[in-house]
């Protein structure tokens, strides 16, 4: 695999999984999301992964105006790679979710490499009262949700990345998604070197275990040799455990409130910056690896640079 001596810290600041009832610290408005991303960048994140929400209710939405407002606010304050999602609200079709790429022409965006059952309904058992009526309905609806990213969808989505010179971060929720990525590399839809995101712990995808991550890396090594690098998501309480395993394997960590709301057992994170600071400290103590700055990451991943986006 390809790796840096330093680490690429990604921070996903709000996502589309958690709802406002679950934490008073979850960023919702454009200002809150931008401030969360700025704080994460100042704490050591070189990539901030961005979703947007309805400012009034906190419900996940695909609103290109909100994406632009957040992105412009971030880059006005800090140098960081703004990575919008094309996962968006997982109920929405891929051809709608990918619209943020032609809108912002970002340096990088997430790209989901296959379909999975995407279950959030089990979170219903943890709360008796809800701040908004949409929250329990949203979570319950995932009992019958397929997060759709078919081969036909990817044949539509991937050329849009290429057209706007936006590097896809390939989100792999299970081992089969790595084979999907290889299929599209072989067909010329994706140009190496790849940057893979191993997403573990989503109900419907691969579980967050040391053995599973080791297996994912082994398969990626067989498929892509020295033409890939990787980052790891551990959903929920496994966030920091999986992140530190990734660091020990020359991979990179992703933290943030999209994936996990807690800084430690029973302790809600008050900010995304706190989560970045924790992984920076753990990395220094366990491996001695320091955060790469955005320019180092741009060079390593072959990104076009902020000045070539439609954000500035």
C-alpha atoms as a PDB file:
ATOM      1  CA  UNK A   1       0.000   0.000   0.000  1.00  0.00           C
ATOM      2  CA  UNK A   2       0.918   3.663  -0.191  1.00  0.00           C
ATOM      3  CA  UNK A   3       1.381   5.456   3.106  1.00  0.00           C
ATOM      4  CA  UNK A   4       2.756   8.615   4.631  1.00  0.00           C
ATOM      5  CA  UNK A   5       5.052   8.722   7.632  1.00  0.00           C
ATOM      6  CA  UNK A   6       2.482  11.172   8.962  1.00  0.00           C
ATOM      7  CA  UNK A   7      -1.249  10.397   9.169  1.00  0.00           C
ATOM      8  CA  UNK A   8      -4.196  11.783   7.245  1.00  0.00           C
ATOM      9  CA  UNK A   9      -6.811  12.721   9.838  1.00  0.00           C
ATOM     10  CA  UNK A  10     -10.355  12.981   8.484  1.00  0.00           C
ATOM     11  CA  UNK A  11     -13.213  14.399  10.527  1.00  0.00           C
ATOM     12  CA  UNK A  12     -16.857  13.800   9.594  1.00  0.00           C
ATOM     13  CA  UNK A  13     -18.612  16.519  11.520  1.00  0.00           C
ATOM     14  CA  UNK A  14     -22.353  15.749  11.371  1.00  0.00           C
ATOM     15  CA  UNK A  15     -23.400  12.990   8.923  1.00  0.00           C
ATOM     16  CA  UNK A  16     -26.877  11.586   8.393  1.00  0.00           C
ATOM     17  CA  UNK A  17     -27.051   8.913  11.092  1.00  0.00           C
ATOM     18  CA  UNK A  18     -27.484  10.695  14.400  1.00  0.00           C
ATOM     19  CA  UNK A  19     -30.445  12.921  15.202  1.00  0.00           C
ATOM     20  CA  UNK A  20     -30.683  16.044  17.400  1.00  0.00           C
ATOM     21  CA  UNK A  21     -32.235  14.150  20.319  1.00  0.00           C
ATOM     22  CA  UNK A  22     -29.081  12.045  20.634  1.00  0.00           C
ATOM     23  CA  UNK A  23     -26.722  14.917  21.447  1.00  0.00           C
ATOM     24  CA  UNK A  24     -27.098  18.659  22.074  1.00  0.00           C
ATOM     25  CA  UNK A  25     -23.649  19.066  20.515  1.00  0.00           C
ATOM     26  CA  UNK A  26     -24.521  17.658  17.077  1.00  0.00           C
ATOM     27  CA  UNK A  27     -23.941  20.415  14.470  1.00  0.00           C
ATOM     28  CA  UNK A  28     -27.148  21.249  12.585  1.00  0.00           C
ATOM     29  CA  UNK A  29     -27.134  24.754  11.094  1.00  0.00           C
ATOM     30  CA  UNK A  30     -24.676  25.843   8.379  1.00  0.00           C
ATOM     31  CA  UNK A  31     -22.844  27.998  10.920  1.00  0.00           C
ATOM     32  CA  UNK A  32     -22.593  25.114  13.392  1.00  0.00           C
ATOM     33  CA  UNK A  33     -21.368  22.679  10.734  1.00  0.00           C
ATOM     34  CA  UNK A  34     -18.804  25.154   9.415  1.00  0.00           C
ATOM     35  CA  UNK A  35     -17.585  26.011  12.914  1.00  0.00           C
ATOM     36  CA  UNK A  36     -17.265  22.292  13.703  1.00  0.00           C
ATOM     37  CA  UNK A  37     -15.189  21.749  10.565  1.00  0.00           C
ATOM     38  CA  UNK A  38     -12.985  24.778  11.282  1.00  0.00           C
ATOM     39  CA  UNK A  39     -12.359  23.557  14.818  1.00  0.00           C
ATOM     40  CA  UNK A  40     -11.512  20.069  13.546  1.00  0.00           C
ATOM     41  CA  UNK A  41      -9.039  21.518  11.034  1.00  0.00           C
ATOM     42  CA  UNK A  42      -7.373  23.649  13.698  1.00  0.00           C
ATOM     43  CA  UNK A  43      -7.057  20.526  15.871  1.00  0.00           C
ATOM     44  CA  UNK A  44      -5.228  18.576  13.144  1.00  0.00           C
ATOM     45  CA  UNK A  45      -7.710  17.287  10.561  1.00  0.00           C
ATOM     46  CA  UNK A  46      -6.551  17.739   6.967  1.00  0.00           C
ATOM     47  CA  UNK A  47      -9.876  16.503   5.514  1.00  0.00           C
ATOM     48  CA  UNK A  48     -13.336  17.524   6.737  1.00  0.00           C
ATOM     49  CA  UNK A  49     -16.195  15.357   5.505  1.00  0.00           C
ATOM     50  CA  UNK A  50     -19.363  17.419   5.159  1.00  0.00           C
ATOM     51  CA  UNK A  51     -23.090  16.665   5.182  1.00  0.00           C
ATOM     52  CA  UNK A  52     -25.793  19.306   5.576  1.00  0.00           C
ATOM     53  CA  UNK A  53     -29.062  19.374   7.497  1.00  0.00           C
ATOM     54  CA  UNK A  54     -32.292  21.336   7.524  1.00  0.00           C
ATOM     55  CA  UNK A  55     -31.344  24.292   9.757  1.00  0.00           C
ATOM     56  CA  UNK A  56     -34.752  24.278  11.460  1.00  0.00           C
ATOM     57  CA  UNK A  57     -35.156  20.574  12.237  1.00  0.00           C
ATOM     58  CA  UNK A  58     -31.744  18.961  11.831  1.00  0.00           C
ATOM     59  CA  UNK A  59     -33.033  16.461   9.275  1.00  0.00           C
ATOM     60  CA  UNK A  60     -30.388  15.331   6.716  1.00  0.00           C
ATOM     61  CA  UNK A  61     -30.930  16.951   3.303  1.00  0.00           C
ATOM     62  CA  UNK A  62     -29.266  17.347  -0.077  1.00  0.00           C
ATOM     63  CA  UNK A  63     -29.322  21.113  -0.510  1.00  0.00           C
ATOM     64  CA  UNK A  64     -26.571  22.474  -2.739  1.00  0.00           C
ATOM     65  CA  UNK A  65     -27.033  25.996  -1.418  1.00  0.00           C
ATOM     66  CA  UNK A  66     -26.358  24.779   2.115  1.00  0.00           C
ATOM     67  CA  UNK A  67     -23.327  22.796   0.932  1.00  0.00           C
ATOM     68  CA  UNK A  68     -21.950  25.935  -0.717  1.00  0.00           C
ATOM     69  CA  UNK A  69     -22.624  28.100   2.347  1.00  0.00           C
ATOM     70  CA  UNK A  70     -20.797  25.642   4.598  1.00  0.00           C
ATOM     71  CA  UNK A  71     -17.862  25.074   2.236  1.00  0.00           C
ATOM     72  CA  UNK A  72     -17.270  28.764   1.569  1.00  0.00           C
ATOM     73  CA  UNK A  73     -17.353  29.550   5.267  1.00  0.00           C
ATOM     74  CA  UNK A  74     -14.808  26.820   6.015  1.00  0.00           C
ATOM     75  CA  UNK A  75     -12.244  27.776   3.370  1.00  0.00           C
ATOM     76  CA  UNK A  76     -12.500  31.446   4.326  1.00  0.00           C
ATOM     77  CA  UNK A  77     -11.153  30.544   7.768  1.00  0.00           C
ATOM     78  CA  UNK A  78      -8.779  27.566   7.394  1.00  0.00           C
ATOM     79  CA  UNK A  79      -6.763  25.613   4.859  1.00  0.00           C
ATOM     80  CA  UNK A  80      -8.391  22.186   4.782  1.00  0.00           C
ATOM     81  CA  UNK A  81      -9.648  19.729   2.158  1.00  0.00           C
ATOM     82  CA  UNK A  82     -13.441  20.034   2.092  1.00  0.00           C
ATOM     83  CA  UNK A  83     -14.843  16.624   1.200  1.00  0.00           C
ATOM     84  CA  UNK A  84     -18.612  16.749   0.609  1.00  0.00           C
ATOM     85  CA  UNK A  85     -20.604  13.548   0.817  1.00  0.00           C
ATOM     86  CA  UNK A  86     -22.326  11.878  -2.101  1.00  0.00           C
ATOM     87  CA  UNK A  87     -23.991   9.612   0.451  1.00  0.00           C
ATOM     88  CA  UNK A  88     -26.176  12.487   1.622  1.00  0.00           C
ATOM     89  CA  UNK A  89     -29.432  11.249   3.044  1.00  0.00           C
ATOM     90  CA  UNK A  90     -29.172   7.489   2.337  1.00  0.00           C
ATOM     91  CA  UNK A  91     -32.826   7.338   1.246  1.00  0.00           C
ATOM     92  CA  UNK A  92     -32.113   9.599  -1.752  1.00  0.00           C
ATOM     93  CA  UNK A  93     -31.111   8.137  -5.150  1.00  0.00           C
ATOM     94  CA  UNK A  94     -27.428   8.305  -6.192  1.00  0.00           C
ATOM     95  CA  UNK A  95     -28.072  10.565  -9.181  1.00  0.00           C
ATOM     96  CA  UNK A  96     -29.434  13.170  -6.749  1.00  0.00           C
ATOM     97  CA  UNK A  97     -26.741  12.676  -4.096  1.00  0.00           C
ATOM     98  CA  UNK A  98     -23.890  13.189  -6.573  1.00  0.00           C
ATOM     99  CA  UNK A  99     -25.155  16.661  -7.548  1.00  0.00           C
ATOM    100  CA  UNK A 100     -22.799  18.278  -5.053  1.00  0.00           C
ATOM    101  CA  UNK A 101     -19.837  17.357  -7.294  1.00  0.00           C
ATOM    102  CA  UNK A 102     -20.774  19.546 -10.291  1.00  0.00           C
ATOM    103  CA  UNK A 103     -22.022  22.195  -7.863  1.00  0.00           C
ATOM    104  CA  UNK A 104     -18.765  22.616  -5.900  1.00  0.00           C
ATOM    105  CA  UNK A 105     -16.222  20.779  -8.084  1.00  0.00           C
ATOM    106  CA  UNK A 106     -14.425  19.815  -4.862  1.00  0.00           C
ATOM    107  CA  UNK A 107     -10.929  18.419  -4.590  1.00  0.00           C
ATOM    108  CA  UNK A 108     -12.371  15.202  -3.214  1.00  0.00           C
ATOM    109  CA  UNK A 109     -15.760  13.670  -2.385  1.00  0.00           C
ATOM    110  CA  UNK A 110     -16.952  10.380  -0.963  1.00  0.00           C
ATOM    111  CA  UNK A 111     -18.148   7.703  -3.393  1.00  0.00           C
ATOM    112  CA  UNK A 112     -19.989   4.617  -2.140  1.00  0.00           C
ATOM    113  CA  UNK A 113     -18.853   1.404  -3.805  1.00  0.00           C
ATOM    114  CA  UNK A 114     -21.911  -0.793  -3.378  1.00  0.00           C
ATOM    115  CA  UNK A 115     -25.400  -1.250  -2.000  1.00  0.00           C
ATOM    116  CA  UNK A 116     -26.119  -2.467   1.523  1.00  0.00           C
ATOM    117  CA  UNK A 117     -28.967  -2.748   3.976  1.00  0.00           C
ATOM    118  CA  UNK A 118     -28.431   0.364   6.127  1.00  0.00           C
ATOM    119  CA  UNK A 119     -30.106  -0.124   9.490  1.00  0.00           C
ATOM    120  CA  UNK A 120     -30.438   2.635  12.049  1.00  0.00           C
ATOM    121  CA  UNK A 121     -33.732   1.417  13.496  1.00  0.00           C
ATOM    122  CA  UNK A 122     -32.059  -0.248  16.488  1.00  0.00           C
ATOM    123  CA  UNK A 123     -31.330   3.250  17.859  1.00  0.00           C
ATOM    124  CA  UNK A 124     -35.067   3.658  18.507  1.00  0.00           C
ATOM    125  CA  UNK A 125     -34.749   1.556  21.665  1.00  0.00           C
ATOM    126  CA  UNK A 126     -32.396   4.041  23.327  1.00  0.00           C
ATOM    127  CA  UNK A 127     -34.775   7.016  23.573  1.00  0.00           C
ATOM    128  CA  UNK A 128     -38.250   7.477  25.020  1.00  0.00           C
ATOM    129  CA  UNK A 129     -38.864  11.039  23.852  1.00  0.00           C
ATOM    130  CA  UNK A 130     -37.843  12.850  20.688  1.00  0.00           C
ATOM    131  CA  UNK A 131     -37.112  16.484  19.985  1.00  0.00           C
ATOM    132  CA  UNK A 132     -38.641  16.288  16.480  1.00  0.00           C
ATOM    133  CA  UNK A 133     -41.360  14.060  15.033  1.00  0.00           C
ATOM    134  CA  UNK A 134     -39.231  13.188  12.000  1.00  0.00           C
ATOM    135  CA  UNK A 135     -36.556  11.447  14.072  1.00  0.00           C
ATOM    136  CA  UNK A 136     -38.328   8.171  15.030  1.00  0.00           C
ATOM    137  CA  UNK A 137     -39.944   7.978  11.587  1.00  0.00           C
ATOM    138  CA  UNK A 138     -36.558   8.433   9.907  1.00  0.00           C
ATOM    139  CA  UNK A 139     -34.895   5.747  12.017  1.00  0.00           C
ATOM    140  CA  UNK A 140     -37.790   3.299  11.719  1.00  0.00           C
ATOM    141  CA  UNK A 141     -37.756   3.696   7.939  1.00  0.00           C
ATOM    142  CA  UNK A 142     -34.277   2.175   7.767  1.00  0.00           C
ATOM    143  CA  UNK A 143     -35.675  -1.257   8.674  1.00  0.00           C
ATOM    144  CA  UNK A 144     -36.609  -1.489   4.992  1.00  0.00           C
ATOM    145  CA  UNK A 145     -33.795   0.688   3.584  1.00  0.00           C
ATOM    146  CA  UNK A 146     -31.373  -0.391   0.909  1.00  0.00           C
ATOM    147  CA  UNK A 147     -28.615   2.184   0.537  1.00  0.00           C
ATOM    148  CA  UNK A 148     -28.547   1.996  -3.239  1.00  0.00           C
ATOM    149  CA  UNK A 149     -25.291   2.122  -5.181  1.00  0.00           C
ATOM    150  CA  UNK A 150     -25.732  -0.358  -8.043  1.00  0.00           C
ATOM    151  CA  UNK A 151     -23.325  -1.029 -10.908  1.00  0.00           C
ATOM    152  CA  UNK A 152     -25.550   1.104 -13.146  1.00  0.00           C
ATOM    153  CA  UNK A 153     -25.506   3.885 -10.555  1.00  0.00           C
ATOM    154  CA  UNK A 154     -21.718   3.816 -10.385  1.00  0.00           C
ATOM    155  CA  UNK A 155     -21.488   3.884 -14.180  1.00  0.00           C
ATOM    156  CA  UNK A 156     -23.390   7.189 -13.942  1.00  0.00           C
ATOM    157  CA  UNK A 157     -21.699   8.632 -10.869  1.00  0.00           C
ATOM    158  CA  UNK A 158     -18.015   7.905 -11.517  1.00  0.00           C
ATOM    159  CA  UNK A 159     -17.781   9.838 -14.823  1.00  0.00           C
ATOM    160  CA  UNK A 160     -19.123  12.899 -12.980  1.00  0.00           C
ATOM    161  CA  UNK A 161     -16.151  12.723 -10.610  1.00  0.00           C
ATOM    162  CA  UNK A 162     -13.816  12.435 -13.587  1.00  0.00           C
ATOM    163  CA  UNK A 163     -15.457  15.311 -15.472  1.00  0.00           C
ATOM    164  CA  UNK A 164     -14.861  17.682 -12.562  1.00  0.00           C
ATOM    165  CA  UNK A 165     -11.423  16.314 -11.590  1.00  0.00           C
ATOM    166  CA  UNK A 166     -12.754  15.378  -8.154  1.00  0.00           C
ATOM    167  CA  UNK A 167     -10.963  12.447  -6.528  1.00  0.00           C
ATOM    168  CA  UNK A 168     -13.371   9.833  -5.176  1.00  0.00           C
ATOM    169  CA  UNK A 169     -12.741   8.471  -1.720  1.00  0.00           C
ATOM    170  CA  UNK A 170     -14.060   4.935  -2.187  1.00  0.00           C
ATOM    171  CA  UNK A 171     -16.355   4.020   0.708  1.00  0.00           C
ATOM    172  CA  UNK A 172     -16.289   0.242   1.243  1.00  0.00           C
ATOM    173  CA  UNK A 173     -18.826  -1.098   3.740  1.00  0.00           C
ATOM    174  CA  UNK A 174     -17.991  -4.727   3.085  1.00  0.00           C
ATOM    175  CA  UNK A 175     -15.409  -6.886   1.320  1.00  0.00           C
ATOM    176  CA  UNK A 176     -17.457  -7.161  -1.868  1.00  0.00           C
ATOM    177  CA  UNK A 177     -17.176  -3.404  -2.326  1.00  0.00           C
ATOM    178  CA  UNK A 178     -13.426  -3.812  -2.804  1.00  0.00           C
ATOM    179  CA  UNK A 179     -14.115  -6.169  -5.689  1.00  0.00           C
ATOM    180  CA  UNK A 180     -16.555  -3.608  -7.085  1.00  0.00           C
ATOM    181  CA  UNK A 181     -13.770  -1.022  -6.960  1.00  0.00           C
ATOM    182  CA  UNK A 182     -11.413  -3.387  -8.796  1.00  0.00           C
ATOM    183  CA  UNK A 183     -14.111  -3.974 -11.426  1.00  0.00           C
ATOM    184  CA  UNK A 184     -14.377  -0.243 -12.115  1.00  0.00           C
ATOM    185  CA  UNK A 185     -10.603   0.214 -12.113  1.00  0.00           C
ATOM    186  CA  UNK A 186     -10.319  -2.553 -14.705  1.00  0.00           C
ATOM    187  CA  UNK A 187     -13.001  -0.886 -16.836  1.00  0.00           C
ATOM    188  CA  UNK A 188     -11.255   2.488 -16.688  1.00  0.00           C
ATOM    189  CA  UNK A 189     -13.855   4.301 -14.568  1.00  0.00           C
ATOM    190  CA  UNK A 190     -11.421   4.849 -11.666  1.00  0.00           C
ATOM    191  CA  UNK A 191      -7.784   5.802 -12.041  1.00  0.00           C
ATOM    192  CA  UNK A 192      -5.260   4.602  -9.433  1.00  0.00           C
ATOM    193  CA  UNK A 193      -3.852   5.338  -6.984  1.00  0.00           C
ATOM    194  CA  UNK A 194      -6.988   4.772  -4.923  1.00  0.00           C
ATOM    195  CA  UNK A 195      -7.891   6.102  -1.509  1.00  0.00           C
ATOM    196  CA  UNK A 196     -10.155   3.599   0.232  1.00  0.00           C
ATOM    197  CA  UNK A 197     -12.353   4.225   3.244  1.00  0.00           C
ATOM    198  CA  UNK A 198     -13.110   1.036   5.173  1.00  0.00           C
ATOM    199  CA  UNK A 199     -16.479   1.645   6.838  1.00  0.00           C
ATOM    200  CA  UNK A 200     -17.009  -0.764   9.729  1.00  0.00           C
ATOM    201  CA  UNK A 201     -19.805  -1.128  12.241  1.00  0.00           C
ATOM    202  CA  UNK A 202     -22.832  -0.079  10.165  1.00  0.00           C
ATOM    203  CA  UNK A 203     -25.769  -2.464  10.705  1.00  0.00           C
ATOM    204  CA  UNK A 204     -25.872  -4.175   7.321  1.00  0.00           C
ATOM    205  CA  UNK A 205     -22.137  -3.920   6.606  1.00  0.00           C
ATOM    206  CA  UNK A 206     -18.972  -5.477   7.990  1.00  0.00           C
ATOM    207  CA  UNK A 207     -18.561  -5.387  11.771  1.00  0.00           C
ATOM    208  CA  UNK A 208     -15.886  -3.397  13.611  1.00  0.00           C
ATOM    209  CA  UNK A 209     -13.416  -6.125  14.569  1.00  0.00           C
ATOM    210  CA  UNK A 210      -9.646  -6.384  14.316  1.00  0.00           C
ATOM    211  CA  UNK A 211      -9.949  -9.532  12.218  1.00  0.00           C
ATOM    212  CA  UNK A 212     -12.323  -7.866   9.757  1.00  0.00           C
ATOM    213  CA  UNK A 213     -10.082  -4.850   9.250  1.00  0.00           C
ATOM    214  CA  UNK A 214      -7.068  -7.114   8.778  1.00  0.00           C
ATOM    215  CA  UNK A 215      -9.043  -9.070   6.166  1.00  0.00           C
ATOM    216  CA  UNK A 216     -10.138  -5.897   4.344  1.00  0.00           C
ATOM    217  CA  UNK A 217      -6.533  -4.699   4.150  1.00  0.00           C
ATOM    218  CA  UNK A 218      -5.350  -8.123   2.968  1.00  0.00           C
ATOM    219  CA  UNK A 219      -7.931  -8.177   0.162  1.00  0.00           C
ATOM    220  CA  UNK A 220      -7.082  -4.595  -0.847  1.00  0.00           C
ATOM    221  CA  UNK A 221      -3.416  -5.576  -0.964  1.00  0.00           C
ATOM    222  CA  UNK A 222      -4.198  -8.507  -3.281  1.00  0.00           C
ATOM    223  CA  UNK A 223      -6.373  -6.373  -5.558  1.00  0.00           C
ATOM    224  CA  UNK A 224      -4.459  -3.087  -5.675  1.00  0.00           C
ATOM    225  CA  UNK A 225      -0.879  -3.795  -4.553  1.00  0.00           C
ATOM    226  CA  UNK A 226       0.936  -0.507  -4.005  1.00  0.00           C
ATOM    227  CA  UNK A 227      -1.748   1.536  -5.770  1.00  0.00           C
ATOM    228  CA  UNK A 228      -3.924   2.333  -2.748  1.00  0.00           C
ATOM    229  CA  UNK A 229      -3.999   4.001   0.638  1.00  0.00           C
ATOM    230  CA  UNK A 230      -6.705   3.635   3.247  1.00  0.00           C
ATOM    231  CA  UNK A 231      -8.597   5.243   6.079  1.00  0.00           C
ATOM    232  CA  UNK A 232     -10.898   3.576   8.611  1.00  0.00           C
ATOM    233  CA  UNK A 233     -14.277   4.365  10.166  1.00  0.00           C
ATOM    234  CA  UNK A 234     -15.355   2.549  13.295  1.00  0.00           C
ATOM    235  CA  UNK A 235     -19.009   3.374  13.895  1.00  0.00           C
ATOM    236  CA  UNK A 236     -20.159   4.031  17.442  1.00  0.00           C
ATOM    237  CA  UNK A 237     -18.133   2.945  20.444  1.00  0.00           C
ATOM    238  CA  UNK A 238     -15.520   1.298  18.220  1.00  0.00           C
ATOM    239  CA  UNK A 239     -14.385   4.558  16.642  1.00  0.00           C
ATOM    240  CA  UNK A 240     -11.109   5.034  18.489  1.00  0.00           C
ATOM    241  CA  UNK A 241     -10.312   1.320  18.703  1.00  0.00           C
ATOM    242  CA  UNK A 242     -10.555   0.924  14.933  1.00  0.00           C
ATOM    243  CA  UNK A 243      -8.760   4.218  14.343  1.00  0.00           C
ATOM    244  CA  UNK A 244      -5.767   3.143  16.406  1.00  0.00           C
ATOM    245  CA  UNK A 245      -5.656  -0.225  14.645  1.00  0.00           C
ATOM    246  CA  UNK A 246      -5.594   1.630  11.329  1.00  0.00           C
ATOM    247  CA  UNK A 247      -2.676   3.718  12.567  1.00  0.00           C
ATOM    248  CA  UNK A 248      -0.746   0.588  13.532  1.00  0.00           C
ATOM    249  CA  UNK A 249      -1.249  -0.762   9.986  1.00  0.00           C
ATOM    250  CA  UNK A 250       0.067   2.400   8.273  1.00  0.00           C
ATOM    251  CA  UNK A 251      -3.493   3.494   7.545  1.00  0.00           C
ATOM    252  CA  UNK A 252      -5.325   6.643   8.539  1.00  0.00           C
ATOM    253  CA  UNK A 253      -8.101   7.489  11.016  1.00  0.00           C
ATOM    254  CA  UNK A 254     -11.502   9.104  10.587  1.00  0.00           C
ATOM    255  CA  UNK A 255     -13.271  10.496  13.629  1.00  0.00           C
ATOM    256  CA  UNK A 256     -16.224  12.809  14.148  1.00  0.00           C
ATOM    257  CA  UNK A 257     -19.869  13.011  15.124  1.00  0.00           C
ATOM    258  CA  UNK A 258     -21.120  11.421  11.931  1.00  0.00           C
ATOM    259  CA  UNK A 259     -19.793   8.095  13.163  1.00  0.00           C
ATOM    260  CA  UNK A 260     -19.805   8.410  16.953  1.00  0.00           C
ATOM    261  CA  UNK A 261     -21.131  10.874  19.524  1.00  0.00           C
ATOM    262  CA  UNK A 262     -18.963   9.867  22.486  1.00  0.00           C
ATOM    263  CA  UNK A 263     -15.450  10.864  23.498  1.00  0.00           C
ATOM    264  CA  UNK A 264     -15.327   7.995  25.974  1.00  0.00           C
ATOM    265  CA  UNK A 265     -17.731   5.640  27.810  1.00  0.00           C
ATOM    266  CA  UNK A 266     -20.769   7.684  28.863  1.00  0.00           C
ATOM    267  CA  UNK A 267     -19.097  10.967  27.875  1.00  0.00           C
ATOM    268  CA  UNK A 268     -20.695  12.850  25.001  1.00  0.00           C
ATOM    269  CA  UNK A 269     -18.172  14.684  22.862  1.00  0.00           C
ATOM    270  CA  UNK A 270     -18.761  18.417  23.115  1.00  0.00           C
ATOM    271  CA  UNK A 271     -17.080  19.120  19.790  1.00  0.00           C
ATOM    272  CA  UNK A 272     -15.572  17.440  16.763  1.00  0.00           C
ATOM    273  CA  UNK A 273     -12.302  19.166  17.632  1.00  0.00           C
ATOM    274  CA  UNK A 274     -12.196  17.180  20.888  1.00  0.00           C
ATOM    275  CA  UNK A 275     -12.341  13.962  18.865  1.00  0.00           C
ATOM    276  CA  UNK A 276      -9.539  15.085  16.553  1.00  0.00           C
ATOM    277  CA  UNK A 277      -7.416  16.107  19.529  1.00  0.00           C
ATOM    278  CA  UNK A 278      -7.940  12.670  21.082  1.00  0.00           C
ATOM    279  CA  UNK A 279      -6.822  10.736  17.991  1.00  0.00           C
ATOM    280  CA  UNK A 280      -3.839  13.066  17.539  1.00  0.00           C
ATOM    281  CA  UNK A 281      -2.807  12.372  21.137  1.00  0.00           C
ATOM    282  CA  UNK A 282      -3.335   8.605  20.799  1.00  0.00           C
ATOM    283  CA  UNK A 283      -1.381   8.501  17.549  1.00  0.00           C
ATOM    284  CA  UNK A 284       1.544  10.333  19.128  1.00  0.00           C
ATOM    285  CA  UNK A 285       1.560   8.044  22.160  1.00  0.00           C
ATOM    286  CA  UNK A 286       1.116   4.771  20.273  1.00  0.00           C
ATOM    287  CA  UNK A 287       2.952   5.289  16.983  1.00  0.00           C
ATOM    288  CA  UNK A 288       4.652   8.680  17.002  1.00  0.00           C
ATOM    289  CA  UNK A 289       2.762   9.636  13.820  1.00  0.00           C
ATOM    290  CA  UNK A 290       1.844  13.294  13.499  1.00  0.00           C
ATOM    291  CA  UNK A 291      -0.987  14.816  11.418  1.00  0.00           C
ATOM    292  CA  UNK A 292      -0.140  15.624   7.820  1.00  0.00           C
ATOM    293  CA  UNK A 293      -1.041  19.146   6.777  1.00  0.00           C
ATOM    294  CA  UNK A 294      -3.465  19.725   3.877  1.00  0.00           C
ATOM    295  CA  UNK A 295      -0.714  20.478   1.351  1.00  0.00           C
ATOM    296  CA  UNK A 296       1.063  17.231   2.193  1.00  0.00           C
ATOM    297  CA  UNK A 297      -2.205  15.348   1.768  1.00  0.00           C
ATOM    298  CA  UNK A 298      -2.961  17.073  -1.540  1.00  0.00           C
ATOM    299  CA  UNK A 299       0.433  16.033  -2.874  1.00  0.00           C
ATOM    300  CA  UNK A 300       0.105  12.454  -1.599  1.00  0.00           C
ATOM    301  CA  UNK A 301      -3.429  11.932  -2.968  1.00  0.00           C
ATOM    302  CA  UNK A 302      -2.841  13.873  -6.180  1.00  0.00           C
ATOM    303  CA  UNK A 303      -5.592  16.441  -5.546  1.00  0.00           C
ATOM    304  CA  UNK A 304      -6.061  19.412  -7.851  1.00  0.00           C
ATOM    305  CA  UNK A 305      -5.990  22.054  -5.106  1.00  0.00           C
ATOM    306  CA  UNK A 306      -8.570  24.409  -3.649  1.00  0.00           C
ATOM    307  CA  UNK A 307      -8.004  27.060  -6.312  1.00  0.00           C
ATOM    308  CA  UNK A 308      -9.297  24.645  -8.983  1.00  0.00           C
ATOM    309  CA  UNK A 309     -12.632  24.095  -7.218  1.00  0.00           C
ATOM    310  CA  UNK A 310     -15.847  26.092  -7.536  1.00  0.00           C
ATOM    311  CA  UNK A 311     -15.774  26.847  -3.807  1.00  0.00           C
ATOM    312  CA  UNK A 312     -13.464  29.880  -4.095  1.00  0.00           C
END
